[in-house]
Protein backbone atom coordinates (compact mmCIF):
# COMPACT_ATOMS: atom_id res chain seq x y z
CA MET A 1 -83.93 -15.56 -189.08
CA VAL A 2 -87.25 -14.18 -187.92
CA ASN A 3 -88.35 -13.65 -184.10
CA ASP A 4 -91.91 -14.53 -183.93
CA GLN A 5 -91.76 -14.30 -179.71
CA PRO A 6 -93.89 -11.48 -178.23
CA THR A 7 -92.36 -8.27 -177.71
CA ALA A 8 -91.85 -6.65 -174.53
CA LEU A 9 -95.69 -4.63 -174.97
CA GLU A 10 -97.28 -7.97 -175.89
CA ARG A 11 -95.72 -9.79 -172.72
CA PHE A 12 -97.17 -6.77 -170.67
CA ILE A 13 -100.26 -6.47 -172.03
CA ASN A 14 -101.11 -10.55 -172.39
CA GLY A 15 -100.25 -10.69 -168.46
CA ILE A 16 -102.93 -8.72 -167.43
CA LEU A 17 -105.94 -9.87 -169.13
CA PRO A 18 -105.38 -12.51 -172.27
CA GLU A 19 -102.83 -14.61 -170.48
CA ASN A 20 -103.88 -14.08 -166.44
CA PRO A 21 -102.19 -16.33 -164.75
CA THR A 22 -105.61 -16.71 -162.29
CA TYR A 23 -108.19 -16.79 -164.50
CA ARG A 24 -106.66 -17.75 -167.67
CA GLN A 25 -103.66 -19.87 -167.00
CA LEU A 26 -105.50 -21.34 -163.34
CA LEU A 27 -101.62 -21.03 -161.72
CA GLY A 28 -100.85 -20.22 -158.15
CA MET A 29 -103.83 -21.27 -156.73
CA CYS A 30 -103.09 -22.29 -153.32
CA PRO A 31 -102.07 -18.68 -152.26
CA THR A 32 -105.26 -17.33 -154.77
CA LEU A 33 -107.76 -19.36 -152.29
CA ALA A 34 -105.49 -19.09 -149.07
CA VAL A 35 -104.91 -15.61 -148.54
CA THR A 36 -107.83 -13.68 -150.16
CA ASN A 37 -110.51 -13.49 -146.87
CA GLY A 38 -109.18 -9.72 -146.60
CA MET A 39 -107.74 -7.22 -148.81
CA GLN A 40 -104.58 -6.48 -147.09
CA SER A 41 -103.45 -10.20 -147.06
CA ALA A 42 -104.03 -10.53 -150.62
CA MET A 43 -102.43 -7.19 -151.78
CA THR A 44 -99.15 -8.13 -148.82
CA MET A 45 -99.23 -11.81 -151.05
CA ALA A 46 -99.69 -9.76 -154.64
CA GLY A 47 -96.81 -7.52 -153.51
CA ALA A 48 -94.33 -9.94 -152.57
CA THR A 49 -94.81 -12.45 -154.95
CA ALA A 50 -94.44 -9.33 -158.04
CA PHE A 51 -90.88 -8.73 -156.64
CA VAL A 52 -90.08 -12.28 -156.70
CA LEU A 53 -91.25 -12.72 -160.01
CA ILE A 54 -89.47 -9.50 -161.73
CA CYS A 55 -86.13 -10.15 -159.55
CA ALA A 56 -86.33 -13.67 -160.52
CA ASN A 57 -87.51 -12.81 -164.37
CA ILE A 58 -84.43 -10.69 -164.85
CA VAL A 59 -81.55 -12.70 -163.44
CA VAL A 60 -82.91 -15.75 -165.39
CA SER A 61 -82.54 -13.63 -168.70
CA LEU A 62 -79.65 -12.28 -167.45
CA ILE A 63 -78.03 -15.55 -167.68
CA ARG A 64 -79.88 -17.72 -170.14
CA ASN A 65 -76.84 -17.96 -172.34
CA LEU A 66 -75.26 -19.73 -169.55
CA LEU A 67 -78.05 -22.19 -168.42
CA LYS A 68 -77.89 -25.83 -169.20
CA PRO A 69 -81.03 -27.62 -170.03
CA HIS A 70 -80.20 -30.54 -167.41
CA LEU A 71 -80.15 -27.72 -164.85
CA ARG A 72 -82.47 -24.83 -165.36
CA ILE A 73 -85.11 -25.49 -163.13
CA LEU A 74 -82.73 -26.35 -160.29
CA VAL A 75 -81.46 -22.30 -161.58
CA TYR A 76 -85.11 -21.06 -161.52
CA THR A 77 -85.75 -22.77 -158.05
CA LEU A 78 -82.62 -21.61 -156.26
CA THR A 79 -82.70 -17.99 -157.91
CA ILE A 80 -86.76 -17.98 -156.75
CA ALA A 81 -85.84 -19.02 -153.14
CA THR A 82 -83.03 -15.97 -152.75
CA PHE A 83 -85.61 -13.57 -153.45
CA VAL A 84 -88.19 -15.08 -151.37
CA THR A 85 -86.03 -15.41 -148.24
CA ILE A 86 -85.14 -11.45 -148.98
CA ALA A 87 -89.09 -10.83 -148.87
CA ASP A 88 -89.99 -13.29 -146.13
CA ARG A 89 -87.42 -11.55 -143.76
CA VAL A 90 -88.52 -7.62 -144.70
CA LEU A 91 -91.87 -8.45 -144.37
CA ALA A 92 -90.78 -10.70 -140.73
CA ALA A 93 -89.10 -7.02 -139.82
CA TYR A 94 -91.67 -4.05 -140.94
CA MET A 95 -94.98 -6.13 -141.41
CA TYR A 96 -94.55 -8.81 -138.42
CA ASP A 97 -98.38 -9.32 -137.61
CA MET A 98 -98.90 -9.77 -141.44
CA SER A 99 -95.90 -12.30 -141.75
CA LYS A 100 -97.61 -14.26 -138.91
CA GLN A 101 -101.10 -13.80 -140.51
CA LEU A 102 -99.63 -15.10 -144.04
CA GLY A 103 -97.71 -17.80 -142.19
CA PRO A 104 -95.84 -20.17 -144.83
CA TYR A 105 -97.55 -18.77 -148.35
CA ILE A 106 -94.48 -16.33 -148.21
CA PRO A 107 -91.99 -19.39 -148.01
CA LEU A 108 -94.50 -20.96 -150.47
CA ILE A 109 -93.79 -18.75 -153.13
CA ILE A 110 -90.41 -20.43 -154.54
CA VAL A 111 -93.00 -23.56 -155.70
CA ASN A 112 -95.32 -21.04 -157.20
CA CYS A 113 -96.28 -22.01 -160.96
CA ILE A 114 -96.60 -18.63 -161.68
CA ILE A 115 -92.95 -17.86 -161.22
CA VAL A 116 -91.16 -21.29 -162.50
CA CYS A 117 -93.56 -20.73 -165.40
CA ARG A 118 -92.72 -17.38 -166.61
CA CYS A 119 -88.79 -18.32 -166.28
CA GLU A 120 -89.29 -21.27 -168.69
CA VAL A 121 -91.47 -19.51 -170.90
CA CYS A 122 -90.26 -15.76 -171.59
CA ALA A 123 -87.10 -15.48 -169.40
CA SER A 124 -84.53 -18.32 -170.27
CA SER A 125 -85.40 -17.20 -174.14
CA GLN A 126 -85.86 -13.57 -174.30
CA ALA A 127 -83.97 -9.99 -173.64
CA VAL A 128 -83.86 -8.45 -169.92
CA HIS A 129 -86.04 -5.67 -171.20
CA ILE A 130 -88.75 -8.41 -172.45
CA ALA A 131 -88.39 -10.58 -169.55
CA ALA A 132 -88.86 -7.50 -166.95
CA ALA A 133 -92.17 -6.16 -168.75
CA ASP A 134 -93.23 -9.98 -168.67
CA ALA A 135 -92.91 -10.20 -165.28
CA VAL A 136 -94.47 -6.84 -164.22
CA GLY A 137 -97.73 -7.51 -166.47
CA GLN A 138 -98.20 -10.64 -164.90
CA SER A 139 -97.55 -9.42 -161.64
CA LEU A 140 -100.81 -6.74 -162.39
CA GLY A 141 -102.72 -9.38 -163.82
CA PHE A 142 -101.98 -11.91 -160.30
CA THR A 143 -102.52 -8.32 -158.50
CA LEU A 144 -105.96 -7.51 -160.33
CA ALA A 145 -107.44 -11.38 -159.50
CA LEU A 146 -106.33 -11.38 -155.79
CA ALA A 147 -107.88 -8.75 -155.41
CA SER A 148 -111.11 -8.92 -157.27
CA ILE A 149 -111.71 -12.23 -155.03
CA ALA A 150 -110.42 -10.71 -151.84
CA THR A 151 -113.01 -7.52 -152.44
CA VAL A 152 -116.14 -9.52 -152.92
CA ARG A 153 -114.99 -11.95 -149.88
CA GLU A 154 -114.32 -9.31 -147.78
CA VAL A 155 -117.47 -7.20 -148.45
CA LEU A 156 -119.73 -10.00 -148.10
CA GLY A 157 -117.76 -11.76 -144.94
CA ALA A 158 -116.88 -8.81 -142.85
CA GLY A 159 -118.70 -5.79 -144.10
CA THR A 160 -114.97 -3.85 -145.03
CA TRP A 161 -112.73 -3.35 -147.39
CA PHE A 162 -109.23 -3.05 -146.13
CA GLY A 163 -110.47 -3.07 -142.72
CA ILE A 164 -112.75 -0.54 -143.46
CA ALA A 165 -116.72 -1.09 -142.58
CA VAL A 166 -118.31 -0.12 -146.23
CA MET A 167 -121.14 -1.85 -145.90
CA PRO A 168 -124.41 -0.45 -144.24
CA ALA A 169 -125.13 -1.13 -140.34
CA GLY A 170 -127.27 -4.13 -139.87
CA PHE A 171 -125.85 -5.83 -142.98
CA PRO A 172 -125.64 -9.58 -141.94
CA ASN A 173 -122.44 -10.86 -143.05
CA TRP A 174 -122.09 -13.80 -145.18
CA VAL A 175 -119.31 -15.69 -142.72
CA LEU A 176 -119.03 -18.16 -145.00
CA MET A 177 -117.52 -16.16 -147.85
CA VAL A 178 -114.47 -15.33 -145.13
CA LEU A 179 -113.66 -19.28 -144.60
CA PRO A 180 -112.55 -21.65 -147.41
CA PRO A 181 -115.25 -22.59 -148.88
CA GLY A 182 -116.02 -19.25 -149.47
CA ALA A 183 -112.76 -19.24 -151.49
CA PHE A 184 -114.14 -21.59 -154.28
CA ILE A 185 -117.41 -20.61 -154.57
CA THR A 186 -115.74 -17.02 -155.11
CA LEU A 187 -113.43 -18.17 -157.76
CA GLY A 188 -115.71 -20.08 -159.48
CA LEU A 189 -118.44 -17.69 -160.04
CA LEU A 190 -115.47 -14.86 -160.82
CA LEU A 191 -114.21 -17.65 -163.54
CA GLY A 192 -117.68 -18.31 -164.90
CA LEU A 193 -117.62 -14.34 -165.11
CA VAL A 194 -114.32 -13.92 -167.06
CA ASN A 195 -115.25 -16.63 -169.48
CA TRP A 196 -118.54 -15.34 -170.24
CA LEU A 197 -117.15 -11.87 -171.00
CA THR A 198 -114.33 -13.52 -172.87
CA ALA A 199 -117.10 -15.16 -175.15
CA LEU A 200 -119.05 -12.26 -175.67
CA TRP A 201 -115.98 -10.04 -176.67
CA THR A 202 -114.92 -12.69 -178.71
CA GLN A 203 -118.34 -13.01 -180.50
CA GLY A 204 -118.41 -8.85 -180.79
CA ARG A 205 -115.13 -9.40 -182.73
CA LYS A 206 -115.92 -12.25 -185.30
CA ALA A 207 -119.38 -10.28 -185.95
CA LYS A 208 -117.82 -7.45 -187.10
CA PRO A 209 -116.25 -7.76 -190.37
CA THR A 210 -119.54 -9.85 -191.30
CA ALA A 211 -121.07 -7.08 -190.09
CA ALA A 212 -119.28 -4.74 -192.51
């Protein structure tokens, strides 16, 4: 039987751009919109999500042959909840102010569609090293998305990046950008930019054989 599923390298690369969880799959929109008013909160969320995603993918892959079809979602949820609890307690212990700032969004990682999706699509049917590569790729893709949105919002809304002033004195801060409407505006514009660049790249690839 021929295995037509993606390899570890393909899973890793696809997660970063071709199947970016935010810009291509439109998953995890709640934290994407809620925590990207600053780079510090965005990167903390990205790190916590990456930890949970990688650990959950590995565990689900290890027990994939024991999963029962009617119980698999329950097993995913319990596995994810275990690692979310670890991440939440570590943040509360060592980054208390950030933990309070993120509020309920760390516990809500339990129902993050990105993690459940990767457990179902990859980890439940492929080997551990492939599941791990998939999780790392998706985590990098999610981090890239959060970083791009948070950079635009923090720079334009507060004139800072990671809390460090980067705009010249007298620059009028666009307060709207650090408010909820700014999240929707930034996400919409960046989605449009990604789709436009993707269309240009696709057209360029199609034009090469013709030119030859």
